[in-house]
Amino acid sequence: MTADLTGTVEAEPLERLGFLLARHGAIAYARMEHAFKQCGLTPRQGATLVLLGESGHMSQKGMAEVLEVDPSILCGILNDLENTHLVERRRDPADRRRHIVALTDEGGRTLDKARDAITAVEKELFADFTPEELSTLRNLLVRVRTSQSDSVCT
C-alpha cells in the first residue's frame, strides 16, 4: 500500500475496493447460482420463492415492485414456477383484475432446500467473520451507491 498526495492510503491496483468487490461478488454469485441450480432453480426463481416464503402470498404487481423487476420479466419467472408446480396464481376475489401468487406445498419444500443451500454457501464464504463483522459488512454494503437502474440490474 502507498499513500497518495492527500495522505490517504491507496491499495495496490488489484486490491482496490472496486476490484475486490467485483471479484468476490462474481464468485459469490456463481456459488449462489450453483446452489439454486442444485434445487432446480435460477437465481431469480430462487429470489421469488424466498420472497413468497417471507410473505406467504403477494399480488403479482407487489412482487414486481419488491423484486424491482419489470412485470413482463416477473411474468416469465412465475410462468416457469407455475409450470413446475412451485407457485400458483389466483384471481383476487376482491379485485378480479389482480393476481395473487402463493407457494404450493412443493414450492415450500423446494424453498427449504434452497434456503439450506444458500446457508451452506454463506457459511463457507463468511467462515472467517465474527457475527459483529458480518453485521458491519452488511451495513456497509447496504450503503454502497448502486441503483436498480444500473445496466447489470436491468
N, C-alpha and C. Protein backbone atom coordinates (compact mmCIF):
# COMPACT_ATOMS: atom_id res chain seq x y z
N MET A 1 0.84 -1.18 0.00
CA MET A 1 0.00 0.00 0.00
C MET A 1 0.88 1.24 0.00
N THR A 2 0.42 2.27 -0.68
CA THR A 2 1.15 3.53 -0.73
C THR A 2 0.20 4.65 -0.40
N ALA A 3 0.76 5.78 0.05
CA ALA A 3 -0.07 6.95 0.35
C ALA A 3 -0.11 7.86 -0.87
N ASP A 4 -1.29 8.43 -1.15
CA ASP A 4 -1.36 9.39 -2.25
C ASP A 4 -1.05 10.79 -1.73
N LEU A 5 -1.21 11.81 -2.56
CA LEU A 5 -0.84 13.17 -2.20
C LEU A 5 -1.64 13.72 -1.02
N THR A 6 -2.83 13.21 -0.78
CA THR A 6 -3.65 13.70 0.33
C THR A 6 -3.35 12.94 1.62
N GLY A 7 -2.45 11.99 1.55
CA GLY A 7 -2.13 11.21 2.74
C GLY A 7 -3.02 9.99 2.90
N THR A 8 -3.95 9.81 1.98
CA THR A 8 -4.84 8.66 2.03
C THR A 8 -4.08 7.42 1.57
N VAL A 9 -4.26 6.33 2.27
CA VAL A 9 -3.59 5.10 1.87
C VAL A 9 -4.29 4.54 0.64
N GLU A 10 -3.49 4.24 -0.38
CA GLU A 10 -4.03 3.70 -1.63
C GLU A 10 -3.63 2.25 -1.75
N ALA A 11 -4.56 1.40 -2.08
CA ALA A 11 -4.30 -0.03 -2.21
C ALA A 11 -3.55 -0.31 -3.51
N GLU A 12 -2.91 -1.47 -3.53
CA GLU A 12 -2.30 -1.96 -4.77
C GLU A 12 -3.42 -2.04 -5.81
N PRO A 13 -3.10 -1.90 -7.09
CA PRO A 13 -4.15 -1.82 -8.12
C PRO A 13 -5.22 -2.91 -8.04
N LEU A 14 -4.82 -4.16 -7.89
CA LEU A 14 -5.83 -5.24 -7.87
C LEU A 14 -6.45 -5.44 -6.49
N GLU A 15 -6.03 -4.66 -5.51
CA GLU A 15 -6.65 -4.72 -4.18
C GLU A 15 -7.53 -3.50 -3.92
N ARG A 16 -7.77 -2.72 -4.96
CA ARG A 16 -8.69 -1.59 -4.81
C ARG A 16 -10.08 -2.15 -4.52
N LEU A 17 -10.87 -1.37 -3.80
CA LEU A 17 -12.18 -1.85 -3.37
C LEU A 17 -13.08 -2.28 -4.53
N GLY A 18 -13.06 -1.54 -5.62
CA GLY A 18 -13.90 -1.91 -6.77
C GLY A 18 -13.55 -3.28 -7.32
N PHE A 19 -12.25 -3.54 -7.46
CA PHE A 19 -11.81 -4.84 -7.96
C PHE A 19 -12.15 -5.95 -6.97
N LEU A 20 -11.91 -5.70 -5.68
CA LEU A 20 -12.22 -6.71 -4.67
C LEU A 20 -13.71 -7.03 -4.64
N LEU A 21 -14.55 -5.99 -4.68
CA LEU A 21 -16.00 -6.23 -4.68
C LEU A 21 -16.42 -6.99 -5.93
N ALA A 22 -15.86 -6.61 -7.08
CA ALA A 22 -16.21 -7.28 -8.33
C ALA A 22 -15.82 -8.75 -8.29
N ARG A 23 -14.58 -9.04 -7.86
CA ARG A 23 -14.11 -10.42 -7.83
C ARG A 23 -14.92 -11.26 -6.84
N HIS A 24 -15.04 -10.75 -5.62
CA HIS A 24 -15.78 -11.53 -4.62
C HIS A 24 -17.27 -11.62 -4.96
N GLY A 25 -17.80 -10.56 -5.55
CA GLY A 25 -19.21 -10.60 -5.96
C GLY A 25 -19.45 -11.64 -7.04
N ALA A 26 -18.55 -11.72 -8.00
CA ALA A 26 -18.70 -12.71 -9.07
C ALA A 26 -18.60 -14.13 -8.52
N ILE A 27 -17.67 -14.33 -7.61
CA ILE A 27 -17.52 -15.67 -7.00
C ILE A 27 -18.75 -16.02 -6.17
N ALA A 28 -19.20 -15.07 -5.36
CA ALA A 28 -20.39 -15.31 -4.52
C ALA A 28 -21.60 -15.60 -5.40
N TYR A 29 -21.77 -14.83 -6.48
CA TYR A 29 -22.91 -15.05 -7.38
C TYR A 29 -22.83 -16.43 -8.01
N ALA A 30 -21.66 -16.83 -8.46
CA ALA A 30 -21.50 -18.15 -9.09
C ALA A 30 -21.85 -19.26 -8.10
N ARG A 31 -21.42 -19.11 -6.86
CA ARG A 31 -21.73 -20.13 -5.86
C ARG A 31 -23.23 -20.16 -5.54
N MET A 32 -23.85 -18.99 -5.45
CA MET A 32 -25.29 -18.93 -5.18
C MET A 32 -26.07 -19.51 -6.37
N GLU A 33 -25.63 -19.18 -7.58
CA GLU A 33 -26.28 -19.70 -8.78
C GLU A 33 -26.21 -21.23 -8.79
N HIS A 34 -25.05 -21.77 -8.43
CA HIS A 34 -24.88 -23.23 -8.37
C HIS A 34 -25.80 -23.83 -7.31
N ALA A 35 -25.89 -23.19 -6.16
CA ALA A 35 -26.76 -23.68 -5.07
C ALA A 35 -28.21 -23.72 -5.54
N PHE A 36 -28.67 -22.65 -6.19
CA PHE A 36 -30.04 -22.63 -6.70
C PHE A 36 -30.23 -23.70 -7.78
N LYS A 37 -29.23 -23.85 -8.65
CA LYS A 37 -29.33 -24.85 -9.72
C LYS A 37 -29.51 -26.25 -9.15
N GLN A 38 -28.83 -26.55 -8.05
CA GLN A 38 -28.97 -27.86 -7.41
C GLN A 38 -30.41 -28.11 -6.93
N CYS A 39 -31.15 -27.02 -6.75
CA CYS A 39 -32.56 -27.12 -6.34
C CYS A 39 -33.51 -26.99 -7.53
N GLY A 40 -32.94 -26.93 -8.74
CA GLY A 40 -33.77 -26.81 -9.94
C GLY A 40 -34.25 -25.40 -10.20
N LEU A 41 -33.55 -24.40 -9.67
CA LEU A 41 -33.98 -23.01 -9.78
C LEU A 41 -32.90 -22.13 -10.40
N THR A 42 -33.35 -21.04 -10.99
CA THR A 42 -32.43 -19.97 -11.36
C THR A 42 -32.36 -19.01 -10.17
N PRO A 43 -31.38 -18.12 -10.13
CA PRO A 43 -31.33 -17.15 -9.03
C PRO A 43 -32.60 -16.30 -8.92
N ARG A 44 -33.16 -15.89 -10.05
CA ARG A 44 -34.39 -15.08 -9.99
C ARG A 44 -35.56 -15.90 -9.46
N GLN A 45 -35.65 -17.16 -9.86
CA GLN A 45 -36.71 -18.01 -9.33
C GLN A 45 -36.52 -18.20 -7.84
N GLY A 46 -35.27 -18.41 -7.43
CA GLY A 46 -34.97 -18.57 -6.01
C GLY A 46 -35.35 -17.35 -5.21
N ALA A 47 -35.00 -16.17 -5.71
CA ALA A 47 -35.35 -14.93 -5.01
C ALA A 47 -36.86 -14.78 -4.91
N THR A 48 -37.57 -15.18 -5.95
CA THR A 48 -39.03 -15.10 -5.94
C THR A 48 -39.61 -16.03 -4.88
N LEU A 49 -39.10 -17.26 -4.79
CA LEU A 49 -39.58 -18.18 -3.76
C LEU A 49 -39.25 -17.67 -2.37
N VAL A 50 -38.05 -17.11 -2.19
CA VAL A 50 -37.67 -16.57 -0.87
C VAL A 50 -38.65 -15.46 -0.47
N LEU A 51 -38.97 -14.57 -1.40
CA LEU A 51 -39.93 -13.50 -1.11
C LEU A 51 -41.28 -14.08 -0.71
N LEU A 52 -41.77 -15.05 -1.45
CA LEU A 52 -43.05 -15.66 -1.12
C LEU A 52 -42.99 -16.40 0.21
N GLY A 53 -41.84 -16.99 0.50
CA GLY A 53 -41.68 -17.68 1.78
C GLY A 53 -41.78 -16.72 2.96
N GLU A 54 -41.33 -15.49 2.76
CA GLU A 54 -41.40 -14.47 3.81
C GLU A 54 -42.81 -13.90 3.94
N SER A 55 -43.47 -13.71 2.80
CA SER A 55 -44.75 -13.01 2.82
C SER A 55 -45.96 -13.94 2.87
N GLY A 56 -45.78 -15.20 2.48
CA GLY A 56 -46.92 -16.12 2.41
C GLY A 56 -47.57 -16.07 1.03
N HIS A 57 -48.02 -14.89 0.65
CA HIS A 57 -48.58 -14.67 -0.68
C HIS A 57 -48.51 -13.17 -0.97
N MET A 58 -48.52 -12.83 -2.23
CA MET A 58 -48.46 -11.42 -2.64
C MET A 58 -49.16 -11.24 -3.97
N SER A 59 -49.50 -9.99 -4.24
CA SER A 59 -50.00 -9.69 -5.57
C SER A 59 -48.83 -9.72 -6.54
N GLN A 60 -49.13 -10.05 -7.77
CA GLN A 60 -48.08 -10.10 -8.79
C GLN A 60 -47.45 -8.72 -8.95
N LYS A 61 -48.26 -7.68 -8.91
CA LYS A 61 -47.74 -6.31 -9.04
C LYS A 61 -46.83 -5.97 -7.86
N GLY A 62 -47.24 -6.34 -6.66
CA GLY A 62 -46.43 -6.08 -5.48
C GLY A 62 -45.10 -6.80 -5.53
N MET A 63 -45.11 -8.01 -6.05
CA MET A 63 -43.87 -8.78 -6.18
C MET A 63 -42.90 -8.09 -7.14
N ALA A 64 -43.42 -7.60 -8.26
CA ALA A 64 -42.56 -6.91 -9.24
C ALA A 64 -41.92 -5.69 -8.60
N GLU A 65 -42.68 -4.98 -7.78
CA GLU A 65 -42.14 -3.80 -7.11
C GLU A 65 -41.07 -4.17 -6.09
N VAL A 66 -41.31 -5.17 -5.27
CA VAL A 66 -40.35 -5.57 -4.24
C VAL A 66 -39.09 -6.15 -4.87
N LEU A 67 -39.26 -7.00 -5.88
CA LEU A 67 -38.10 -7.61 -6.55
C LEU A 67 -37.41 -6.64 -7.51
N GLU A 68 -38.08 -5.51 -7.76
CA GLU A 68 -37.57 -4.48 -8.66
C GLU A 68 -37.23 -5.05 -10.04
N VAL A 69 -38.21 -5.78 -10.59
CA VAL A 69 -38.08 -6.31 -11.95
C VAL A 69 -39.28 -5.83 -12.76
N ASP A 70 -39.10 -5.77 -14.04
CA ASP A 70 -40.19 -5.41 -14.94
C ASP A 70 -41.29 -6.46 -14.82
N PRO A 71 -42.55 -6.05 -14.82
CA PRO A 71 -43.65 -7.03 -14.71
C PRO A 71 -43.59 -8.13 -15.77
N SER A 72 -43.12 -7.82 -16.98
CA SER A 72 -43.05 -8.85 -18.02
C SER A 72 -41.98 -9.90 -17.67
N ILE A 73 -40.89 -9.49 -17.03
CA ILE A 73 -39.86 -10.43 -16.58
C ILE A 73 -40.43 -11.32 -15.48
N LEU A 74 -41.13 -10.70 -14.53
CA LEU A 74 -41.72 -11.47 -13.44
C LEU A 74 -42.74 -12.47 -13.98
N CYS A 75 -43.49 -12.08 -14.97
CA CYS A 75 -44.48 -12.98 -15.56
C CYS A 75 -43.81 -14.25 -16.08
N GLY A 76 -42.67 -14.10 -16.75
CA GLY A 76 -41.93 -15.26 -17.24
C GLY A 76 -41.41 -16.13 -16.10
N ILE A 77 -40.91 -15.50 -15.05
CA ILE A 77 -40.43 -16.25 -13.89
C ILE A 77 -41.57 -17.03 -13.27
N LEU A 78 -42.71 -16.36 -13.09
CA LEU A 78 -43.87 -17.02 -12.48
C LEU A 78 -44.43 -18.12 -13.38
N ASN A 79 -44.40 -17.92 -14.69
CA ASN A 79 -44.85 -18.97 -15.60
C ASN A 79 -44.03 -20.24 -15.39
N ASP A 80 -42.70 -20.07 -15.32
CA ASP A 80 -41.83 -21.23 -15.10
C ASP A 80 -42.09 -21.88 -13.75
N LEU A 81 -42.25 -21.07 -12.71
CA LEU A 81 -42.51 -21.62 -11.37
C LEU A 81 -43.88 -22.30 -11.30
N GLU A 82 -44.83 -21.75 -12.01
CA GLU A 82 -46.17 -22.35 -12.04
C GLU A 82 -46.16 -23.65 -12.83
N ASN A 83 -45.42 -23.70 -13.93
CA ASN A 83 -45.33 -24.91 -14.74
C ASN A 83 -44.68 -26.06 -13.98
N THR A 84 -43.82 -25.74 -13.03
CA THR A 84 -43.17 -26.79 -12.22
C THR A 84 -43.88 -26.98 -10.88
N HIS A 85 -45.07 -26.38 -10.74
CA HIS A 85 -45.96 -26.56 -9.59
C HIS A 85 -45.35 -26.04 -8.28
N LEU A 86 -44.51 -24.99 -8.38
CA LEU A 86 -43.91 -24.41 -7.18
C LEU A 86 -44.71 -23.22 -6.65
N VAL A 87 -45.44 -22.56 -7.54
CA VAL A 87 -46.33 -21.47 -7.13
C VAL A 87 -47.65 -21.63 -7.85
N GLU A 88 -48.64 -20.92 -7.32
CA GLU A 88 -49.93 -20.86 -8.02
C GLU A 88 -50.41 -19.41 -8.00
N ARG A 89 -51.08 -19.05 -9.09
CA ARG A 89 -51.68 -17.72 -9.20
C ARG A 89 -53.18 -17.87 -9.17
N ARG A 90 -53.78 -17.00 -8.39
CA ARG A 90 -55.24 -16.98 -8.29
C ARG A 90 -55.72 -15.54 -8.48
N ARG A 91 -56.92 -15.41 -8.95
CA ARG A 91 -57.54 -14.09 -9.02
C ARG A 91 -57.88 -13.64 -7.61
N ASP A 92 -57.66 -12.39 -7.33
CA ASP A 92 -58.04 -11.82 -6.04
C ASP A 92 -59.55 -11.69 -6.02
N PRO A 93 -60.23 -12.33 -5.06
CA PRO A 93 -61.70 -12.24 -5.03
C PRO A 93 -62.20 -10.80 -4.87
N ALA A 94 -61.39 -9.94 -4.25
CA ALA A 94 -61.80 -8.56 -4.05
C ALA A 94 -61.58 -7.69 -5.29
N ASP A 95 -60.68 -8.13 -6.16
CA ASP A 95 -60.38 -7.39 -7.39
C ASP A 95 -59.95 -8.39 -8.45
N ARG A 96 -60.86 -8.81 -9.29
CA ARG A 96 -60.61 -9.88 -10.26
C ARG A 96 -59.50 -9.53 -11.27
N ARG A 97 -59.11 -8.26 -11.36
CA ARG A 97 -58.03 -7.88 -12.27
C ARG A 97 -56.65 -8.24 -11.67
N ARG A 98 -56.63 -8.48 -10.39
CA ARG A 98 -55.37 -8.68 -9.68
C ARG A 98 -55.10 -10.17 -9.45
N HIS A 99 -53.83 -10.58 -9.64
CA HIS A 99 -53.43 -11.96 -9.37
C HIS A 99 -52.69 -12.03 -8.04
N ILE A 100 -53.02 -13.02 -7.25
CA ILE A 100 -52.33 -13.31 -6.00
C ILE A 100 -51.45 -14.53 -6.26
N VAL A 101 -50.19 -14.45 -5.85
CA VAL A 101 -49.24 -15.54 -6.05
C VAL A 101 -48.93 -16.16 -4.69
N ALA A 102 -48.95 -17.48 -4.63
CA ALA A 102 -48.66 -18.19 -3.37
C ALA A 102 -47.81 -19.42 -3.66
N LEU A 103 -47.03 -19.81 -2.66
CA LEU A 103 -46.26 -21.05 -2.75
C LEU A 103 -47.19 -22.25 -2.68
N THR A 104 -46.87 -23.28 -3.42
CA THR A 104 -47.55 -24.56 -3.25
C THR A 104 -46.78 -25.35 -2.19
N ASP A 105 -47.30 -26.50 -1.81
CA ASP A 105 -46.56 -27.36 -0.87
C ASP A 105 -45.21 -27.75 -1.46
N GLU A 106 -45.21 -28.09 -2.74
CA GLU A 106 -43.95 -28.44 -3.42
C GLU A 106 -43.00 -27.24 -3.44
N GLY A 107 -43.55 -26.05 -3.65
CA GLY A 107 -42.74 -24.84 -3.63
C GLY A 107 -42.12 -24.60 -2.26
N GLY A 108 -42.88 -24.90 -1.21
CA GLY A 108 -42.35 -24.77 0.15
C GLY A 108 -41.20 -25.73 0.40
N ARG A 109 -41.33 -26.96 -0.10
CA ARG A 109 -40.24 -27.94 0.07
C ARG A 109 -39.00 -27.52 -0.72
N THR A 110 -39.21 -27.01 -1.92
CA THR A 110 -38.10 -26.54 -2.74
C THR A 110 -37.44 -25.32 -2.07
N LEU A 111 -38.25 -24.44 -1.52
CA LEU A 111 -37.71 -23.27 -0.81
C LEU A 111 -36.85 -23.70 0.37
N ASP A 112 -37.29 -24.70 1.12
CA ASP A 112 -36.49 -25.19 2.25
C ASP A 112 -35.12 -25.69 1.78
N LYS A 113 -35.11 -26.43 0.67
CA LYS A 113 -33.83 -26.91 0.11
C LYS A 113 -32.96 -25.75 -0.33
N ALA A 114 -33.57 -24.77 -0.98
CA ALA A 114 -32.82 -23.61 -1.46
C ALA A 114 -32.24 -22.82 -0.28
N ARG A 115 -33.02 -22.64 0.77
CA ARG A 115 -32.51 -21.92 1.95
C ARG A 115 -31.33 -22.67 2.55
N ASP A 116 -31.42 -23.98 2.65
CA ASP A 116 -30.29 -24.77 3.18
C ASP A 116 -29.05 -24.61 2.30
N ALA A 117 -29.25 -24.63 0.99
CA ALA A 117 -28.13 -24.50 0.06
C ALA A 117 -27.50 -23.11 0.16
N ILE A 118 -28.32 -22.07 0.28
CA ILE A 118 -27.82 -20.70 0.42
C ILE A 118 -27.06 -20.55 1.73
N THR A 119 -27.60 -21.12 2.79
CA THR A 119 -26.93 -21.05 4.09
C THR A 119 -25.56 -21.71 4.02
N ALA A 120 -25.47 -22.84 3.35
CA ALA A 120 -24.18 -23.53 3.21
C ALA A 120 -23.17 -22.66 2.46
N VAL A 121 -23.62 -22.00 1.40
CA VAL A 121 -22.74 -21.12 0.63
C VAL A 121 -22.27 -19.96 1.51
N GLU A 122 -23.19 -19.35 2.25
CA GLU A 122 -22.83 -18.22 3.10
C GLU A 122 -21.89 -18.64 4.22
N LYS A 123 -22.12 -19.81 4.80
CA LYS A 123 -21.22 -20.28 5.86
C LYS A 123 -19.80 -20.45 5.32
N GLU A 124 -19.68 -20.96 4.11
CA GLU A 124 -18.37 -21.14 3.51
C GLU A 124 -17.72 -19.79 3.18
N LEU A 125 -18.49 -18.89 2.57
CA LEU A 125 -17.95 -17.59 2.18
C LEU A 125 -17.49 -16.76 3.38
N PHE A 126 -18.25 -16.83 4.46
CA PHE A 126 -18.01 -15.93 5.59
C PHE A 126 -17.51 -16.65 6.84
N ALA A 127 -16.88 -17.80 6.64
CA ALA A 127 -16.42 -18.62 7.78
C ALA A 127 -15.45 -17.89 8.69
N ASP A 128 -14.68 -16.96 8.15
CA ASP A 128 -13.66 -16.27 8.94
C ASP A 128 -14.17 -14.99 9.61
N PHE A 129 -15.46 -14.71 9.50
CA PHE A 129 -16.03 -13.50 10.06
C PHE A 129 -16.74 -13.78 11.39
N THR A 130 -16.65 -12.82 12.29
CA THR A 130 -17.43 -12.90 13.53
C THR A 130 -18.85 -12.38 13.21
N PRO A 131 -19.82 -12.67 14.06
CA PRO A 131 -21.16 -12.11 13.84
C PRO A 131 -21.15 -10.58 13.77
N GLU A 132 -20.32 -9.95 14.58
CA GLU A 132 -20.23 -8.49 14.56
C GLU A 132 -19.66 -7.99 13.23
N GLU A 133 -18.65 -8.69 12.72
CA GLU A 133 -18.07 -8.31 11.43
C GLU A 133 -19.08 -8.48 10.30
N LEU A 134 -19.86 -9.55 10.36
CA LEU A 134 -20.90 -9.76 9.34
C LEU A 134 -21.93 -8.65 9.38
N SER A 135 -22.31 -8.24 10.56
CA SER A 135 -23.27 -7.14 10.71
C SER A 135 -22.69 -5.86 10.13
N THR A 136 -21.43 -5.59 10.43
CA THR A 136 -20.77 -4.40 9.89
C THR A 136 -20.69 -4.47 8.37
N LEU A 137 -20.30 -5.61 7.84
CA LEU A 137 -20.21 -5.78 6.39
C LEU A 137 -21.56 -5.54 5.73
N ARG A 138 -22.61 -6.13 6.29
CA ARG A 138 -23.96 -5.95 5.74
C ARG A 138 -24.34 -4.47 5.74
N ASN A 139 -24.09 -3.79 6.86
CA ASN A 139 -24.44 -2.37 6.97
C ASN A 139 -23.64 -1.52 5.98
N LEU A 140 -22.39 -1.85 5.76
CA LEU A 140 -21.57 -1.09 4.81
C LEU A 140 -22.02 -1.35 3.37
N LEU A 141 -22.30 -2.61 3.03
CA LEU A 141 -22.72 -2.93 1.67
C LEU A 141 -24.05 -2.28 1.31
N VAL A 142 -24.94 -2.17 2.28
CA VAL A 142 -26.23 -1.52 2.04
C VAL A 142 -26.01 -0.06 1.63
N ARG A 143 -24.93 0.53 2.09
CA ARG A 143 -24.65 1.94 1.82
C ARG A 143 -23.89 2.17 0.52
N VAL A 144 -23.42 1.10 -0.15
CA VAL A 144 -22.72 1.27 -1.42
C VAL A 144 -23.70 1.86 -2.42
N ARG A 145 -23.28 2.90 -3.13
CA ARG A 145 -24.19 3.62 -4.03
C ARG A 145 -24.32 2.91 -5.37
N THR A 146 -25.34 2.09 -5.46
CA THR A 146 -25.75 1.47 -6.72
C THR A 146 -27.24 1.71 -6.83
N SER A 147 -27.79 1.45 -7.99
CA SER A 147 -29.24 1.59 -8.14
C SER A 147 -29.74 0.49 -9.06
N GLN A 148 -31.03 0.25 -8.98
CA GLN A 148 -31.65 -0.78 -9.80
C GLN A 148 -31.63 -0.40 -11.26
N SER A 149 -31.39 0.86 -11.58
CA SER A 149 -31.34 1.27 -12.99
C SER A 149 -29.95 1.01 -13.60
N ASP A 150 -28.97 0.60 -12.76
CA ASP A 150 -27.66 0.24 -13.32
C ASP A 150 -27.87 -0.90 -14.31
N SER A 151 -27.13 -0.87 -15.42
CA SER A 151 -27.37 -1.80 -16.52
C SER A 151 -27.32 -3.25 -16.10
N VAL A 152 -26.47 -3.63 -15.16
CA VAL A 152 -26.37 -5.02 -14.75
C VAL A 152 -27.63 -5.48 -14.02
N CYS A 153 -28.35 -4.54 -13.42
CA CYS A 153 -29.55 -4.88 -12.64
C CYS A 153 -30.81 -4.97 -13.50
N THR A 154 -30.78 -4.44 -14.70
CA THR A 154 -31.98 -4.42 -15.52
C THR A 154 -31.99 -5.59 -16.41
